[in-house]
C-alpha atoms as a PDB file:
ATOM      1  CA  MET A   1       0.000   0.000   0.000  1.00  0.00           C
ATOM      2  CA  MET A   2       1.428   3.355  -1.019  1.00  0.00           C
ATOM      3  CA  VAL A   3       1.148   6.734   0.690  1.00  0.00           C
ATOM      4  CA  SER A   4      -1.203   7.775  -2.118  1.00  0.00           C
ATOM      5  CA  ALA A   5      -3.791   5.549  -0.425  1.00  0.00           C
ATOM      6  CA  PHE A   6      -4.561   8.418   1.928  1.00  0.00           C
ATOM      7  CA  TYR A   7      -3.088  11.318  -0.037  1.00  0.00           C
ATOM      8  CA  HIS A   8      -5.345  12.821  -2.672  1.00  0.00           C
ATOM      9  CA  PRO A   9      -3.154  14.212  -5.490  1.00  0.00           C
ATOM     10  CA  MET A  10      -5.285  17.349  -5.766  1.00  0.00           C
ATOM     11  CA  THR A  11      -4.601  18.285  -2.144  1.00  0.00           C
ATOM     12  CA  ASN A  12      -2.312  21.265  -1.765  1.00  0.00           C
ATOM     13  CA  LEU A  13      -0.081  20.115   1.063  1.00  0.00           C
ATOM     14  CA  ARG A  14       1.408  23.538   1.678  1.00  0.00           C
ATOM     15  CA  SER A  15      -1.917  25.279   2.173  1.00  0.00           C
ATOM     16  CA  SER A  16      -3.792  22.484   3.952  1.00  0.00           C
ATOM     17  CA  PRO A  17      -4.737  23.487   7.495  1.00  0.00           C
ATOM     18  CA  LEU A  18      -2.876  21.317   9.964  1.00  0.00           C
ATOM     19  CA  SER A  19      -4.273  19.961  13.192  1.00  0.00           C
ATOM     20  CA  PRO A  20      -2.261  17.441  15.247  1.00  0.00           C
ATOM     21  CA  THR A  21      -4.107  14.145  14.912  1.00  0.00           C
ATOM     22  CA  LEU A  22      -2.667  12.821  18.151  1.00  0.00           C
ATOM     23  CA  GLY A  23      -3.648  16.007  19.980  1.00  0.00           C
ATOM     24  CA  GLU A  24      -1.338  18.177  22.048  1.00  0.00           C
ATOM     25  CA  SER A  25       0.163  16.826  25.229  1.00  0.00           C
ATOM     26  CA  ASP A  26      -0.065  18.742  28.498  1.00  0.00           C
ATOM     27  CA  ALA A  27       3.267  20.366  29.335  1.00  0.00           C
ATOM     28  CA  ARG A  28       2.479  20.779  33.047  1.00  0.00           C
ATOM     29  CA  THR A  29       1.578  17.112  33.432  1.00  0.00           C
ATOM     30  CA  LEU A  30       4.701  16.025  31.586  1.00  0.00           C
ATOM     31  CA  ASP A  31       6.945  18.255  33.702  1.00  0.00           C
ATOM     32  CA  ALA A  32       5.650  16.569  36.853  1.00  0.00           C
ATOM     33  CA  LEU A  33       6.550  13.050  35.693  1.00  0.00           C
ATOM     34  CA  ASP A  34       9.524  11.201  37.106  1.00  0.00           C
ATOM     35  CA  GLU A  35      11.865   9.399  34.711  1.00  0.00           C
ATOM     36  CA  VAL A  36      10.029   6.075  34.770  1.00  0.00           C
ATOM     37  CA  ALA A  37       6.647   7.715  34.168  1.00  0.00           C
ATOM     38  CA  LEU A  38       8.088   9.923  31.412  1.00  0.00           C
ATOM     39  CA  GLU A  39       9.452   6.873  29.626  1.00  0.00           C
ATOM     40  CA  GLY A  40       6.055   5.205  29.970  1.00  0.00           C
ATOM     41  CA  GLN A  41       4.324   8.276  28.584  1.00  0.00           C
ATOM     42  CA  LEU A  42       6.522   8.273  25.503  1.00  0.00           C
ATOM     43  CA  ARG A  43       5.794   4.583  24.961  1.00  0.00           C
ATOM     44  CA  GLN A  44       2.063   5.344  25.135  1.00  0.00           C
ATOM     45  CA  ARG A  45       2.466   8.157  22.645  1.00  0.00           C
ATOM     46  CA  ALA A  46       4.427   5.904  20.300  1.00  0.00           C
ATOM     47  CA  GLU A  47       1.698   3.264  20.605  1.00  0.00           C
ATOM     48  CA  ALA A  48      -0.962   5.823  19.649  1.00  0.00           C
ATOM     49  CA  ALA A  49       1.129   6.982  16.670  1.00  0.00           C
ATOM     50  CA  TRP A  50       1.635   3.369  15.585  1.00  0.00           C
ATOM     51  CA  GLN A  51      -2.075   2.557  15.855  1.00  0.00           C
ATOM     52  CA  LEU A  52      -2.834   5.564  13.668  1.00  0.00           C
ATOM     53  CA  ALA A  53      -0.236   4.409  11.118  1.00  0.00           C
ATOM     54  CA  ARG A  54      -1.903   0.982  11.017  1.00  0.00           C
ATOM     55  CA  ASP A  55      -5.012   2.636   9.599  1.00  0.00           C
ATOM     56  CA  VAL A  56      -2.885   3.183   6.490  1.00  0.00           C
ATOM     57  CA  HIS A  57      -0.789   0.020   6.649  1.00  0.00           C
ATOM     58  CA  PRO A  58      -2.521  -2.680   8.754  1.00  0.00           C
ATOM     59  CA  ASP A  59       0.494  -4.999   8.547  1.00  0.00           C
ATOM     60  CA  LEU A  60       2.879  -2.393   9.955  1.00  0.00           C
ATOM     61  CA  PRO A  61       4.984  -4.117  12.626  1.00  0.00           C
ATOM     62  CA  ARG A  62       5.015  -2.594  16.095  1.00  0.00           C
ATOM     63  CA  PRO A  63       8.427  -0.955  16.625  1.00  0.00           C
ATOM     64  CA  ALA A  64      10.465  -1.642  19.738  1.00  0.00           C
ATOM     65  CA  ILE A  65      11.367   1.479  21.720  1.00  0.00           C
ATOM     66  CA  TRP A  66      14.816   2.280  23.118  1.00  0.00           C
ATOM     67  CA  PHE A  67      16.202   5.287  24.963  1.00  0.00           C
ATOM     68  CA  ASP A  68      19.838   4.739  24.037  1.00  0.00           C
ATOM     69  CA  LEU A  69      20.384   7.408  21.375  1.00  0.00           C
ATOM     70  CA  ARG A  70      23.140   9.887  22.198  1.00  0.00           C
ATOM     71  CA  GLY A  71      24.549  13.043  20.685  1.00  0.00           C
ATOM     72  CA  ARG A  72      22.653  15.615  18.651  1.00  0.00           C
ATOM     73  CA  SER A  73      19.814  13.517  17.255  1.00  0.00           C
ATOM     74  CA  ALA A  74      16.499  13.487  19.097  1.00  0.00           C
ATOM     75  CA  GLY A  75      15.221  10.281  17.566  1.00  0.00           C
ATOM     76  CA  GLN A  76      15.991   7.639  14.999  1.00  0.00           C
ATOM     77  CA  ALA A  77      14.072   4.933  13.176  1.00  0.00           C
ATOM     78  CA  HIS A  78      16.434   1.953  13.273  1.00  0.00           C
ATOM     79  CA  TYR A  79      15.122  -0.534  10.724  1.00  0.00           C
ATOM     80  CA  GLN A  80      17.799  -3.185  11.284  1.00  0.00           C
ATOM     81  CA  ARG A  81      17.097  -3.338  15.024  1.00  0.00           C
ATOM     82  CA  GLY A  82      13.397  -3.133  14.418  1.00  0.00           C
ATOM     83  CA  GLY A  83      12.328  -0.020  16.264  1.00  0.00           C
ATOM     84  CA  LEU A  84      12.706   3.587  17.301  1.00  0.00           C
ATOM     85  CA  ARG A  85      15.530   5.068  19.344  1.00  0.00           C
ATOM     86  CA  PHE A  86      15.170   8.221  21.413  1.00  0.00           C
ATOM     87  CA  ASN A  87      17.672  10.508  23.092  1.00  0.00           C
ATOM     88  CA  TRP A  88      16.937  10.329  26.808  1.00  0.00           C
ATOM     89  CA  THR A  89      18.786  13.545  27.675  1.00  0.00           C
ATOM     90  CA  LEU A  90      16.901  15.577  25.066  1.00  0.00           C
ATOM     91  CA  LEU A  91      13.602  13.917  26.038  1.00  0.00           C
ATOM     92  CA  ARG A  92      14.031  14.929  29.671  1.00  0.00           C
ATOM     93  CA  GLU A  93      14.648  18.546  28.693  1.00  0.00           C
ATOM     94  CA  ASN A  94      12.062  18.824  25.864  1.00  0.00           C
ATOM     95  CA  ARG A  95       9.163  16.679  27.018  1.00  0.00           C
ATOM     96  CA  GLN A  96       6.221  18.197  25.185  1.00  0.00           C
ATOM     97  CA  ALA A  97       8.109  18.593  21.902  1.00  0.00           C
ATOM     98  CA  PHE A  98       9.104  14.935  22.043  1.00  0.00           C
ATOM     99  CA  MET A  99       5.530  13.777  22.526  1.00  0.00           C
ATOM    100  CA  ASP A 100       4.002  16.126  19.976  1.00  0.00           C
ATOM    101  CA  GLU A 101       6.719  16.259  17.294  1.00  0.00           C
ATOM    102  CA  ILE A 102       9.570  13.760  17.663  1.00  0.00           C
ATOM    103  CA  VAL A 103       7.462  10.632  18.212  1.00  0.00           C
ATOM    104  CA  PRO A 104       5.276  11.171  15.107  1.00  0.00           C
ATOM    105  CA  HIS A 105       8.359  12.254  13.143  1.00  0.00           C
ATOM    106  CA  GLU A 106      10.062   8.920  13.791  1.00  0.00           C
ATOM    107  CA  MET A 107       6.872   6.886  13.387  1.00  0.00           C
ATOM    108  CA  ALA A 108       6.400   8.524   9.981  1.00  0.00           C
ATOM    109  CA  HIS A 109       9.854   7.231   9.007  1.00  0.00           C
ATOM    110  CA  TRP A 110       8.876   3.788  10.303  1.00  0.00           C
ATOM    111  CA  LEU A 111       5.668   3.780   8.270  1.00  0.00           C
ATOM    112  CA  VAL A 112       7.233   5.003   5.023  1.00  0.00           C
ATOM    113  CA  PHE A 113      10.014   2.421   5.224  1.00  0.00           C
ATOM    114  CA  HIS A 114       7.471  -0.400   5.463  1.00  0.00           C
ATOM    115  CA  LEU A 115       5.343   0.777   2.547  1.00  0.00           C
ATOM    116  CA  GLU A 116       5.877  -0.724  -0.894  1.00  0.00           C
ATOM    117  CA  GLU A 117       9.008   0.904  -2.347  1.00  0.00           C
ATOM    118  CA  GLY A 118       9.455   2.659   0.999  1.00  0.00           C
ATOM    119  CA  ALA A 119      13.057   1.522   1.390  1.00  0.00           C
ATOM    120  CA  ARG A 120      13.888   3.554  -1.728  1.00  0.00           C
ATOM    121  CA  ALA A 121      12.211   6.750  -0.510  1.00  0.00           C
ATOM    122  CA  ARG A 122      14.335   9.742   0.465  1.00  0.00           C
ATOM    123  CA  PRO A 123      14.499  10.081   4.294  1.00  0.00           C
ATOM    124  CA  HIS A 124      12.564  13.358   4.391  1.00  0.00           C
ATOM    125  CA  GLY A 125      11.135  13.179   0.896  1.00  0.00           C
ATOM    126  CA  ARG A 126       7.609  13.491  -0.449  1.00  0.00           C
ATOM    127  CA  GLU A 127       6.342  10.284   1.147  1.00  0.00           C
ATOM    128  CA  TRP A 128       7.526  11.206   4.635  1.00  0.00           C
ATOM    129  CA  GLN A 129       6.226  14.764   4.284  1.00  0.00           C
ATOM    130  CA  THR A 130       2.852  13.423   3.151  1.00  0.00           C
ATOM    131  CA  VAL A 131       2.605  11.161   6.199  1.00  0.00           C
ATOM    132  CA  MET A 132       3.483  14.029   8.513  1.00  0.00           C
ATOM    133  CA  ARG A 133       0.873  16.345   7.028  1.00  0.00           C
ATOM    134  CA  GLN A 134      -1.956  14.012   6.052  1.00  0.00           C
ATOM    135  CA  LEU A 135      -1.718  11.368   8.764  1.00  0.00           C
ATOM    136  CA  TYR A 136      -0.314  13.222  11.778  1.00  0.00           C
ATOM    137  CA  GLY A 137      -1.471  16.746  10.912  1.00  0.00           C
ATOM    138  CA  LEU A 138       1.987  18.221  11.491  1.00  0.00           C
ATOM    139  CA  LYS A 139       4.325  20.455   9.583  1.00  0.00           C
ATOM    140  CA  PRO A 140       7.086  18.198   8.177  1.00  0.00           C
ATOM    141  CA  THR A 141       9.994  19.781  10.048  1.00  0.00           C
ATOM    142  CA  VAL A 142      13.280  17.975   9.449  1.00  0.00           C
ATOM    143  CA  THR A 143      15.441  19.354  12.259  1.00  0.00           C
ATOM    144  CA  HIS A 144      14.872  20.229  15.893  1.00  0.00           C
ATOM    145  CA  ARG A 145      15.974  23.337  17.819  1.00  0.00           C
ATOM    146  CA  PHE A 146      16.855  21.735  21.118  1.00  0.00           C
ATOM    147  CA  ASP A 147      19.842  22.848  23.152  1.00  0.00           C
ATOM    148  CA  ILE A 148      22.213  19.909  22.763  1.00  0.00           C
ATOM    149  CA  ALA A 149      24.898  21.096  25.196  1.00  0.00           C
ATOM    150  CA  ARG A 150      24.240  18.265  27.660  1.00  0.00           C
ATOM    151  CA  ALA A 151      23.265  15.702  25.028  1.00  0.00           C
ATOM    152  CA  SER A 152      26.286  16.150  22.785  1.00  0.00           C
ATOM    153  CA  PRO A 153      29.676  15.570  24.420  1.00  0.00           C
ATOM    154  CA  SER A 154      31.452  17.604  21.733  1.00  0.00           C
ATOM    155  CA  PRO A 155      29.344  20.574  20.609  1.00  0.00           C
ATOM    156  CA  TYR A 156      32.270  22.964  19.921  1.00  0.00           C
ATOM    157  CA  LEU A 157      33.393  22.998  16.309  1.00  0.00           C
ATOM    158  CA  TYR A 158      36.863  24.046  15.141  1.00  0.00           C
ATOM    159  CA  ARG A 159      38.272  24.595  11.646  1.00  0.00           C
ATOM    160  CA  CYS A 160      41.638  24.094   9.995  1.00  0.00           C
ATOM    161  CA  ARG A 161      43.150  24.874   6.559  1.00  0.00           C
ATOM    162  CA  CYS A 162      41.678  21.744   4.991  1.00  0.00           C
ATOM    163  CA  GLU A 163      38.225  22.948   6.131  1.00  0.00           C
ATOM    164  CA  VAL A 164      37.521  19.837   8.153  1.00  0.00           C
ATOM    165  CA  LEU A 165      35.328  20.460  11.172  1.00  0.00           C
ATOM    166  CA  HIS A 166      36.818  19.123  14.405  1.00  0.00           C
ATOM    167  CA  ARG A 167      34.617  18.488  17.454  1.00  0.00           C
ATOM    168  CA  PHE A 168      35.815  19.647  20.873  1.00  0.00           C
ATOM    169  CA  THR A 169      34.409  18.725  24.241  1.00  0.00           C
ATOM    170  CA  GLY A 170      33.649  21.517  26.692  1.00  0.00           C
ATOM    171  CA  ARG A 171      36.858  20.770  28.544  1.00  0.00           C
ATOM    172  CA  ARG A 172      39.068  20.890  25.454  1.00  0.00           C
ATOM    173  CA  HIS A 173      37.317  24.037  24.242  1.00  0.00           C
ATOM    174  CA  SER A 174      37.997  25.662  27.602  1.00  0.00           C
ATOM    175  CA  GLN A 175      41.679  24.760  27.314  1.00  0.00           C
ATOM    176  CA  ALA A 176      41.815  26.232  23.800  1.00  0.00           C
ATOM    177  CA  MET A 177      40.215  29.452  25.016  1.00  0.00           C
ATOM    178  CA  LYS A 178      42.936  29.654  27.676  1.00  0.00           C
ATOM    179  CA  GLY A 179      45.676  29.421  25.049  1.00  0.00           C
ATOM    180  CA  SER A 180      46.297  25.723  24.399  1.00  0.00           C
ATOM    181  CA  ARG A 181      47.039  25.013  20.721  1.00  0.00           C
ATOM    182  CA  TYR A 182      45.598  22.028  18.868  1.00  0.00           C
ATOM    183  CA  LEU A 183      46.742  21.038  15.374  1.00  0.00           C
ATOM    184  CA  CYS A 184      44.984  19.251  12.531  1.00  0.00           C
ATOM    185  CA  ARG A 185      46.643  15.891  11.952  1.00  0.00           C
ATOM    186  CA  HIS A 186      46.396  16.324   8.182  1.00  0.00           C
ATOM    187  CA  CYS A 187      47.276  19.943   7.355  1.00  0.00           C
ATOM    188  CA  ARG A 188      49.088  20.644  10.645  1.00  0.00           C
ATOM    189  CA  ALA A 189      47.330  24.018  10.919  1.00  0.00           C
ATOM    190  CA  THR A 190      46.217  25.381  14.287  1.00  0.00           C
ATOM    191  CA  LEU A 191      42.560  24.634  14.905  1.00  0.00           C
ATOM    192  CA  THR A 192      40.470  27.776  15.306  1.00  0.00           C
ATOM    193  CA  PHE A 193      37.080  28.011  16.988  1.00  0.00           C
ATOM    194  CA  ALA A 194      34.201  28.220  14.504  1.00  0.00           C
ATOM    195  CA  TYR A 195      30.977  27.924  16.499  1.00  0.00           C
ATOM    196  CA  ARG A 196      29.117  26.007  19.173  1.00  0.00           C
ATOM    197  CA  GLU A 197      26.480  23.677  17.836  1.00  0.00           C
ATOM    198  CA  VAL A 198      23.086  24.340  19.372  1.00  0.00           C
ATOM    199  CA  ALA A 199      20.678  22.341  17.241  1.00  0.00           C
ATOM    200  CA  GLU A 200      20.614  19.757  14.548  1.00  0.00           C
END
């Protein structure tokens, strides 16, 4: 079954009014949850998103859920492992956005991959965008704007003559700001601070 099963070709996706199909989660309630309850809440949200996806693709397998993703990414559909991975640090700090945006974002990837020809679809291409708009009622936003300082161990980026970006931890960046010199192993140029990564 293709995405076109629920996407009418005459629909203007850009002008269609969007309304989150899963509804909006309550930020105050989420903020009061301890870690175990928060994890349970995300699993419930993922279950609801999966059930909605099954309306389009009844044979869609239920994805396993893990909280072992690290670094800058908020979530990931891991087809080989058979499920969805979420970044626990970013979840803890961005609870409502995870429930309302990240979970359906990753479930849309999961659905598209399992559709006929889905493995050939571009990661954030037309099929994924269609699922986000028509099934989940959300704007198909590719990147998040979360502060990744605690999630990413090396958010400080440095440049050299060969224009390769080098990642520095907070500690190494601090040493560089105090005068320590670090050289590129290839061009031997001194690494210079470019910017601190804030979002992916």
